[in-house]
Amino acid sequence: MSKEVGPRGIRVNTVSPGPVATPLWLGATGVAATVAQASGLAADEVAKRAAAESATGRFTRPEEVADLVLFLAGERAGNITGADFVIDGGLIKTL
């Protein structure tokens, strides 16, 4: 897609966040609560274990995702296109 629309000055990138400290993960009906209900663990224990799996030992903060998107939308990222940016604290180990 980036090659198709690139000549018109359109950049195409994706942002793939891992667990983010939002209600989607940490809310009363979020991922941690759902897994907790199925596993018999407490939701805070599920969240703690999920965070511990990442290299940084914590969930991504929403503003970190927003900062990445803002950067990619700006002129300083003018030659970045056709890329996927994983922001998961090293949860998916590629390096």
C-alpha atoms as a PDB file:
ATOM      1  CA  MET A   1       0.000   0.000   0.000  1.00  0.00           C
ATOM      2  CA  SER A   2       2.829   2.436   0.795  1.00  0.00           C
ATOM      3  CA  LYS A   3       4.261   2.018  -2.720  1.00  0.00           C
ATOM      4  CA  GLU A   4       0.848   2.618  -4.227  1.00  0.00           C
ATOM      5  CA  VAL A   5       0.118   5.891  -2.418  1.00  0.00           C
ATOM      6  CA  GLY A   6       3.667   7.064  -1.690  1.00  0.00           C
ATOM      7  CA  PRO A   7       4.045   8.977  -4.963  1.00  0.00           C
ATOM      8  CA  ARG A   8       1.114  11.150  -3.842  1.00  0.00           C
ATOM      9  CA  GLY A   9       2.903  12.089  -0.619  1.00  0.00           C
ATOM     10  CA  ILE A  10       0.921   9.701   1.552  1.00  0.00           C
ATOM     11  CA  ARG A  11       2.792   7.677   4.150  1.00  0.00           C
ATOM     12  CA  VAL A  12       1.408   4.385   5.453  1.00  0.00           C
ATOM     13  CA  ASN A  13       2.572   2.906   8.746  1.00  0.00           C
ATOM     14  CA  THR A  14       1.028   0.831  11.480  1.00  0.00           C
ATOM     15  CA  VAL A  15       1.419   0.993  15.241  1.00  0.00           C
ATOM     16  CA  SER A  16       1.073  -2.304  17.103  1.00  0.00           C
ATOM     17  CA  PRO A  17       0.890  -1.776  20.844  1.00  0.00           C
ATOM     18  CA  GLY A  18       1.126  -4.601  23.307  1.00  0.00           C
ATOM     19  CA  PRO A  19      -0.567  -4.284  26.709  1.00  0.00           C
ATOM     20  CA  VAL A  20      -1.374  -0.635  27.400  1.00  0.00           C
ATOM     21  CA  ALA A  21      -2.357   0.685  30.831  1.00  0.00           C
ATOM     22  CA  THR A  22      -5.953   1.482  29.855  1.00  0.00           C
ATOM     23  CA  PRO A  23      -9.364   0.113  30.839  1.00  0.00           C
ATOM     24  CA  LEU A  24      -9.123  -2.304  27.899  1.00  0.00           C
ATOM     25  CA  TRP A  25      -6.479  -4.171  29.892  1.00  0.00           C
ATOM     26  CA  LEU A  26      -6.968  -3.037  33.474  1.00  0.00           C
ATOM     27  CA  GLY A  27     -10.665  -2.171  33.718  1.00  0.00           C
ATOM     28  CA  ALA A  28     -13.368  -4.155  35.491  1.00  0.00           C
ATOM     29  CA  THR A  29     -14.220  -5.966  32.240  1.00  0.00           C
ATOM     30  CA  GLY A  30     -10.751  -5.747  30.702  1.00  0.00           C
ATOM     31  CA  VAL A  31      -8.325  -8.424  29.585  1.00  0.00           C
ATOM     32  CA  ALA A  32      -6.788  -8.928  33.041  1.00  0.00           C
ATOM     33  CA  ALA A  33     -10.221  -9.359  34.653  1.00  0.00           C
ATOM     34  CA  THR A  34     -11.358 -11.753  31.937  1.00  0.00           C
ATOM     35  CA  VAL A  35      -8.216 -13.885  32.233  1.00  0.00           C
ATOM     36  CA  ALA A  36      -8.504 -13.752  36.028  1.00  0.00           C
ATOM     37  CA  GLN A  37     -12.047 -15.044  35.913  1.00  0.00           C
ATOM     38  CA  ALA A  38     -11.022 -17.944  33.675  1.00  0.00           C
ATOM     39  CA  SER A  39      -7.860 -18.792  35.620  1.00  0.00           C
ATOM     40  CA  GLY A  40      -8.930 -18.248  39.207  1.00  0.00           C
ATOM     41  CA  LEU A  41      -6.228 -15.629  39.783  1.00  0.00           C
ATOM     42  CA  ALA A  42      -6.848 -12.063  40.905  1.00  0.00           C
ATOM     43  CA  ALA A  43      -6.965  -9.479  38.108  1.00  0.00           C
ATOM     44  CA  ASP A  44      -4.058  -7.535  39.612  1.00  0.00           C
ATOM     45  CA  GLU A  45      -1.968 -10.715  39.651  1.00  0.00           C
ATOM     46  CA  VAL A  46      -2.766 -11.356  35.979  1.00  0.00           C
ATOM     47  CA  ALA A  47      -1.727  -7.779  35.150  1.00  0.00           C
ATOM     48  CA  LYS A  48       1.445  -8.096  37.229  1.00  0.00           C
ATOM     49  CA  ARG A  49       2.413 -11.315  35.444  1.00  0.00           C
ATOM     50  CA  ALA A  50       1.667  -9.838  32.014  1.00  0.00           C
ATOM     51  CA  ALA A  51       3.848  -6.800  32.759  1.00  0.00           C
ATOM     52  CA  ALA A  52       6.656  -9.019  34.054  1.00  0.00           C
ATOM     53  CA  GLU A  53       6.823 -10.776  30.666  1.00  0.00           C
ATOM     54  CA  SER A  54       8.058  -7.610  28.957  1.00  0.00           C
ATOM     55  CA  ALA A  55      11.684  -6.467  28.969  1.00  0.00           C
ATOM     56  CA  THR A  56      10.680  -3.231  30.707  1.00  0.00           C
ATOM     57  CA  GLY A  57       8.528  -4.962  33.318  1.00  0.00           C
ATOM     58  CA  ARG A  58       5.570  -2.648  32.833  1.00  0.00           C
ATOM     59  CA  PHE A  59       2.631  -1.864  30.593  1.00  0.00           C
ATOM     60  CA  THR A  60       2.973   0.764  27.896  1.00  0.00           C
ATOM     61  CA  ARG A  61       1.497   4.116  28.916  1.00  0.00           C
ATOM     62  CA  PRO A  62      -1.181   5.556  26.594  1.00  0.00           C
ATOM     63  CA  GLU A  63       0.848   8.730  26.089  1.00  0.00           C
ATOM     64  CA  GLU A  64       3.763   6.643  24.777  1.00  0.00           C
ATOM     65  CA  VAL A  65       1.540   5.285  22.017  1.00  0.00           C
ATOM     66  CA  ALA A  66       0.206   8.784  21.327  1.00  0.00           C
ATOM     67  CA  ASP A  67       3.748  10.198  21.140  1.00  0.00           C
ATOM     68  CA  LEU A  68       4.731   7.567  18.574  1.00  0.00           C
ATOM     69  CA  VAL A  69       1.669   8.281  16.429  1.00  0.00           C
ATOM     70  CA  LEU A  70       2.296  12.030  16.663  1.00  0.00           C
ATOM     71  CA  PHE A  71       5.913  11.557  15.594  1.00  0.00           C
ATOM     72  CA  LEU A  72       4.931   9.359  12.645  1.00  0.00           C
ATOM     73  CA  ALA A  73       2.379  11.934  11.499  1.00  0.00           C
ATOM     74  CA  GLY A  74       4.926  14.745  11.554  1.00  0.00           C
ATOM     75  CA  GLU A  75       7.438  16.024   9.045  1.00  0.00           C
ATOM     76  CA  ARG A  76      10.410  14.614  10.990  1.00  0.00           C
ATOM     77  CA  ALA A  77       9.135  11.181   9.932  1.00  0.00           C
ATOM     78  CA  GLY A  78       8.701  12.302   6.334  1.00  0.00           C
ATOM     79  CA  ASN A  79      10.606   9.365   4.859  1.00  0.00           C
ATOM     80  CA  ILE A  80       9.203   6.668   7.131  1.00  0.00           C
ATOM     81  CA  THR A  81       6.603   4.597   5.324  1.00  0.00           C
ATOM     82  CA  GLY A  82       5.652   0.967   4.918  1.00  0.00           C
ATOM     83  CA  ALA A  83       6.664   0.110   8.477  1.00  0.00           C
ATOM     84  CA  ASP A  84       5.061  -1.484  11.518  1.00  0.00           C
ATOM     85  CA  PHE A  85       6.063  -0.103  14.906  1.00  0.00           C
ATOM     86  CA  VAL A  86       5.664  -2.511  17.800  1.00  0.00           C
ATOM     87  CA  ILE A  87       5.441  -0.714  21.141  1.00  0.00           C
ATOM     88  CA  ASP A  88       5.187  -3.446  23.729  1.00  0.00           C
ATOM     89  CA  GLY A  89       8.126  -2.977  26.094  1.00  0.00           C
ATOM     90  CA  GLY A  90       9.943  -5.893  24.501  1.00  0.00           C
ATOM     91  CA  LEU A  91       7.128  -8.392  25.066  1.00  0.00           C
ATOM     92  CA  ILE A  92       7.667  -9.816  21.587  1.00  0.00           C
ATOM     93  CA  LYS A  93      11.323 -10.657  21.584  1.00  0.00           C
ATOM     94  CA  THR A  94      12.840  -9.867  18.201  1.00  0.00           C
ATOM     95  CA  LEU A  95      16.248  -8.494  19.219  1.00  0.00           C
END
